[in-house]
């Protein structure tokens, strides 16, 4: 493999594993042969600067594989050419910069994509190759959206870098904010929330950059963000049985729960 710092993983419909790397593009593993295929943009090409810093991977319902990067925008895999292409996404007329860093992707029922970016939340139309900010200019901030997830009721959960955890109803546009505070101290770190997972019982787990792992019991506790009973776990040097690191970049529930 080209690099040891892994930022994203995806198993596609054919069982191949795609690996997004911090500064070395994308590797694809074929489990049947054990062979890796590397996809990387030339380092001296200014038009693709940042495209090798992969943050997220997604295969949509039509089978297309997408990659979000930190500085190189959005990539789409072309199976005929066996390569990734960088899309020049237009937002707000001619502004390319706002869609330059894509940290998280999630598909909607209509085939459009939610995109969490360094400049907020966007909806992306793969057919038209256009991105639109979900919130109005007055609502949209430069808060980075690090991670996206969806609960069983279709609500969108948004992990940000400095504004805590958000729960959005896309239909009514109602937004609940779970801000950093006494009951949610883990997101006071500079980079904020890094990962989200709903387990089989509906409990929400929140991984953070440097603030540990937090647990929010299922749904009856979600209506009053100010009183949400977060339980947080951090690395304690004096306690070997504590969390191994206070930075939790990825969460996954195994078959045993």
Protein backbone atom coordinates (compact mmCIF):
# COMPACT_ATOMS: atom_id res chain seq x y z
CA UNK A 1 0.00 0.00 0.00
CA UNK A 2 1.22 3.48 -0.88
CA UNK A 3 0.84 5.03 2.60
CA UNK A 4 0.04 3.96 6.16
CA UNK A 5 -2.23 6.88 7.11
CA UNK A 6 -5.77 5.74 6.22
CA UNK A 7 -8.60 8.31 6.20
CA UNK A 8 -11.47 6.37 4.56
CA UNK A 9 -12.54 2.80 3.72
CA UNK A 10 -15.18 1.48 1.34
CA UNK A 11 -16.18 -2.05 0.32
CA UNK A 12 -17.95 -1.87 -3.05
CA UNK A 13 -20.64 -4.15 -4.48
CA UNK A 14 -18.02 -6.46 -5.96
CA UNK A 15 -16.25 -6.94 -2.64
CA UNK A 16 -13.26 -4.77 -3.55
CA UNK A 17 -11.89 -2.55 -0.81
CA UNK A 18 -11.11 1.10 -1.57
CA UNK A 19 -8.70 2.86 0.78
CA UNK A 20 -8.51 6.65 1.01
CA UNK A 21 -5.10 7.85 2.13
CA UNK A 22 -4.01 11.04 3.84
CA UNK A 23 -1.53 12.16 1.20
CA UNK A 24 -1.26 9.33 -1.30
CA UNK A 25 -4.56 9.16 -3.17
CA UNK A 26 -6.64 5.99 -3.28
CA UNK A 27 -5.66 2.33 -3.23
CA UNK A 28 -7.98 -0.50 -4.26
CA UNK A 29 -7.54 -4.01 -2.87
CA UNK A 30 -8.82 -7.05 -4.72
CA UNK A 31 -9.33 -9.66 -1.94
CA UNK A 32 -9.28 -12.53 -4.45
CA UNK A 33 -5.79 -11.75 -5.73
CA UNK A 34 -4.40 -9.67 -2.86
CA UNK A 35 -3.29 -7.04 -5.38
CA UNK A 36 -3.43 -3.28 -4.84
CA UNK A 37 -4.20 -0.76 -7.58
CA UNK A 38 -3.07 2.80 -6.91
CA UNK A 39 -4.88 5.95 -8.04
CA UNK A 40 -2.97 9.17 -7.57
CA UNK A 41 -2.81 12.57 -9.22
CA UNK A 42 0.54 13.96 -10.31
CA UNK A 43 2.07 16.00 -7.52
CA UNK A 44 3.27 18.73 -9.90
CA UNK A 45 -0.19 19.40 -11.40
CA UNK A 46 -1.56 22.62 -9.83
CA UNK A 47 -5.10 21.89 -11.08
CA UNK A 48 -5.33 18.79 -8.87
CA UNK A 49 -3.54 20.09 -5.80
CA UNK A 50 -5.02 18.48 -2.70
CA UNK A 51 -6.75 15.68 -4.63
CA UNK A 52 -4.48 13.07 -3.05
CA UNK A 53 -5.67 13.97 0.46
CA UNK A 54 -8.73 11.72 0.58
CA UNK A 55 -11.25 12.25 3.40
CA UNK A 56 -14.32 10.20 2.46
CA UNK A 57 -15.48 7.47 0.03
CA UNK A 58 -19.00 6.57 -1.11
CA UNK A 59 -20.61 4.22 -3.60
CA UNK A 60 -24.06 5.52 -4.52
CA UNK A 61 -27.16 3.51 -5.40
CA UNK A 62 -26.26 3.55 -9.11
CA UNK A 63 -22.84 2.09 -8.38
CA UNK A 64 -20.76 5.24 -8.90
CA UNK A 65 -17.82 5.65 -6.53
CA UNK A 66 -17.13 9.13 -5.17
CA UNK A 67 -14.23 10.51 -3.16
CA UNK A 68 -14.13 13.75 -1.17
CA UNK A 69 -10.74 15.35 -0.65
CA UNK A 70 -9.16 18.03 1.53
CA UNK A 71 -8.27 20.67 -1.03
CA UNK A 72 -8.90 18.79 -4.28
CA UNK A 73 -12.69 18.89 -4.31
CA UNK A 74 -14.87 15.96 -5.41
CA UNK A 75 -13.59 12.97 -7.41
CA UNK A 76 -15.61 10.44 -9.44
CA UNK A 77 -14.35 7.05 -10.56
CA UNK A 78 -14.54 6.27 -14.28
CA UNK A 79 -14.53 2.44 -14.64
CA UNK A 80 -13.90 2.56 -18.42
CA UNK A 81 -10.71 4.58 -18.01
CA UNK A 82 -9.97 3.02 -14.61
CA UNK A 83 -9.16 6.40 -13.12
CA UNK A 84 -10.61 9.13 -10.93
CA UNK A 85 -11.59 12.47 -12.43
CA UNK A 86 -11.78 15.72 -10.53
CA UNK A 87 -15.08 17.55 -10.98
CA UNK A 88 -15.10 21.34 -11.18
CA UNK A 89 -18.21 22.02 -9.12
CA UNK A 90 -19.83 25.41 -9.46
CA UNK A 91 -21.44 26.89 -6.36
CA UNK A 92 -22.96 30.33 -5.91
CA UNK A 93 -22.38 31.18 -9.54
CA UNK A 94 -18.65 30.95 -10.17
CA UNK A 95 -17.31 30.24 -6.68
CA UNK A 96 -15.25 27.03 -6.76
CA UNK A 97 -13.53 27.51 -3.43
CA UNK A 98 -16.51 26.64 -1.25
CA UNK A 99 -16.60 23.08 -2.60
CA UNK A 100 -12.86 22.58 -2.55
CA UNK A 101 -12.69 20.45 0.61
CA UNK A 102 -15.30 17.69 0.93
CA UNK A 103 -15.09 15.81 4.23
CA UNK A 104 -18.25 13.70 4.19
CA UNK A 105 -20.77 12.31 1.67
CA UNK A 106 -24.22 10.76 2.15
CA UNK A 107 -26.79 9.83 -0.50
CA UNK A 108 -30.41 11.05 -0.54
CA UNK A 109 -33.37 8.96 -1.66
CA UNK A 110 -33.56 10.99 -4.89
CA UNK A 111 -29.97 10.22 -5.86
CA UNK A 112 -28.53 13.59 -4.89
CA UNK A 113 -25.73 13.72 -2.36
CA UNK A 114 -25.30 15.52 0.93
CA UNK A 115 -21.80 16.95 1.06
CA UNK A 116 -20.14 18.12 4.24
CA UNK A 117 -17.49 20.68 3.30
CA UNK A 118 -15.05 23.09 4.91
CA UNK A 119 -17.64 25.82 4.25
CA UNK A 120 -20.81 24.09 5.49
CA UNK A 121 -23.51 21.70 4.22
CA UNK A 122 -24.31 21.35 0.51
CA UNK A 123 -26.55 19.26 -1.72
CA UNK A 124 -24.88 17.97 -4.87
CA UNK A 125 -26.68 16.95 -8.08
CA UNK A 126 -24.54 14.29 -9.82
CA UNK A 127 -26.36 14.72 -13.14
CA UNK A 128 -26.01 18.50 -13.38
CA UNK A 129 -22.71 18.49 -11.45
CA UNK A 130 -23.85 21.46 -9.39
CA UNK A 131 -23.76 22.07 -5.65
CA UNK A 132 -26.16 24.25 -3.67
CA UNK A 133 -25.75 25.34 -0.04
CA UNK A 134 -28.58 23.87 2.01
CA UNK A 135 -28.84 26.88 4.29
CA UNK A 136 -29.39 30.46 3.21
CA UNK A 137 -26.42 32.87 3.17
CA UNK A 138 -27.63 34.19 6.54
CA UNK A 139 -27.78 30.67 8.01
CA UNK A 140 -24.75 29.16 6.29
CA UNK A 141 -21.49 29.67 8.13
CA UNK A 142 -17.90 28.74 7.48
CA UNK A 143 -18.20 25.95 10.04
CA UNK A 144 -16.68 22.77 8.63
CA UNK A 145 -18.95 19.72 8.40
CA UNK A 146 -16.67 16.81 9.27
CA UNK A 147 -19.11 13.90 9.22
CA UNK A 148 -22.72 13.08 8.27
CA UNK A 149 -25.06 10.30 9.39
CA UNK A 150 -28.81 9.54 9.26
CA UNK A 151 -31.05 8.14 11.98
CA UNK A 152 -33.96 5.72 11.48
CA UNK A 153 -36.40 8.64 11.23
CA UNK A 154 -34.52 10.17 8.31
CA UNK A 155 -33.04 13.02 10.33
CA UNK A 156 -29.56 14.14 9.32
CA UNK A 157 -26.89 14.31 12.02
CA UNK A 158 -24.04 16.69 11.36
CA UNK A 159 -20.71 16.65 13.18
CA UNK A 160 -18.90 19.98 12.93
CA UNK A 161 -15.46 21.29 13.78
CA UNK A 162 -16.48 23.93 16.33
CA UNK A 163 -20.28 24.16 16.59
CA UNK A 164 -20.89 20.78 18.15
CA UNK A 165 -23.44 18.26 16.92
CA UNK A 166 -26.48 19.21 14.80
CA UNK A 167 -29.69 17.29 14.05
CA UNK A 168 -31.49 18.43 10.90
CA UNK A 169 -34.94 17.56 9.61
CA UNK A 170 -34.45 18.16 5.84
CA UNK A 171 -38.20 18.44 5.18
CA UNK A 172 -39.14 20.97 7.83
CA UNK A 173 -35.60 22.45 7.99
CA UNK A 174 -35.86 22.28 11.79
CA UNK A 175 -32.40 22.27 13.31
CA UNK A 176 -31.44 21.16 16.80
CA UNK A 177 -28.00 22.12 18.07
CA UNK A 178 -26.12 20.07 20.66
CA UNK A 179 -23.43 22.65 21.48
CA UNK A 180 -20.18 22.15 23.35
CA UNK A 181 -20.84 22.60 27.06
CA UNK A 182 -20.76 21.06 30.51
CA UNK A 183 -22.77 18.01 29.42
CA UNK A 184 -20.85 17.65 26.14
CA UNK A 185 -17.26 18.67 26.91
CA UNK A 186 -15.60 16.40 24.38
CA UNK A 187 -16.20 18.67 21.39
CA UNK A 188 -14.26 21.59 22.85
CA UNK A 189 -11.20 20.39 20.95
CA UNK A 190 -10.27 22.50 17.91
CA UNK A 191 -11.20 19.96 15.24
CA UNK A 192 -14.44 18.88 16.93
CA UNK A 193 -16.36 15.78 15.85
CA UNK A 194 -14.69 13.17 13.65
CA UNK A 195 -17.11 10.21 13.47
CA UNK A 196 -20.74 9.21 14.12
CA UNK A 197 -22.39 5.80 14.53
CA UNK A 198 -25.88 4.61 15.40
CA UNK A 199 -25.66 1.15 16.94
CA UNK A 200 -28.27 -1.62 16.65
CA UNK A 201 -30.16 -0.30 19.69
CA UNK A 202 -30.35 3.26 18.37
CA UNK A 203 -27.68 4.71 20.64
CA UNK A 204 -25.57 7.43 19.01
CA UNK A 205 -21.80 7.25 19.42
CA UNK A 206 -19.73 10.37 18.74
CA UNK A 207 -15.99 10.19 18.06
CA UNK A 208 -13.97 13.36 18.44
CA UNK A 209 -10.55 14.81 17.69
CA UNK A 210 -8.82 14.73 21.07
CA UNK A 211 -12.00 14.76 23.17
CA UNK A 212 -12.62 11.03 23.36
CA UNK A 213 -15.73 8.98 22.61
CA UNK A 214 -19.21 10.09 23.68
CA UNK A 215 -22.44 8.14 24.00
CA UNK A 216 -25.95 9.62 23.64
CA UNK A 217 -28.81 7.27 24.61
CA UNK A 218 -31.62 6.72 22.14
CA UNK A 219 -34.23 8.96 20.93
CA UNK A 220 -36.20 10.10 23.99
CA UNK A 221 -33.13 12.08 25.10
CA UNK A 222 -32.73 13.99 21.85
CA UNK A 223 -35.52 16.58 22.15
CA UNK A 224 -33.76 18.93 24.57
CA UNK A 225 -30.17 19.41 23.38
CA UNK A 226 -29.23 21.46 26.44
CA UNK A 227 -30.09 18.52 28.72
CA UNK A 228 -28.83 15.71 26.47
CA UNK A 229 -27.15 13.13 28.76
CA UNK A 230 -23.86 12.59 26.95
CA UNK A 231 -21.51 10.10 28.58
CA UNK A 232 -17.91 10.59 27.47
CA UNK A 233 -14.87 8.33 27.65
CA UNK A 234 -11.28 9.53 27.32
CA UNK A 235 -7.79 8.16 27.50
CA UNK A 236 -6.45 8.22 31.04
CA UNK A 237 -2.72 7.59 31.33
CA UNK A 238 -3.10 6.23 34.84
CA UNK A 239 -5.85 3.80 33.76
CA UNK A 240 -4.62 1.15 31.29
CA UNK A 241 -8.18 -0.10 30.76
CA UNK A 242 -9.35 3.33 29.53
CA UNK A 243 -9.82 4.34 25.89
CA UNK A 244 -6.58 3.80 23.95
CA UNK A 245 -6.64 7.32 22.48
CA UNK A 246 -8.79 10.41 22.95
CA UNK A 247 -8.89 10.87 19.18
CA UNK A 248 -11.49 8.56 17.61
CA UNK A 249 -11.44 8.87 13.83
CA UNK A 250 -13.68 5.91 12.87
CA UNK A 251 -16.50 3.90 14.45
CA UNK A 252 -17.86 0.50 13.41
CA UNK A 253 -20.25 -1.96 15.06
CA UNK A 254 -19.38 -5.62 14.64
CA UNK A 255 -21.83 -8.53 14.45
CA UNK A 256 -21.67 -9.08 18.17
CA UNK A 257 -22.85 -5.51 18.82
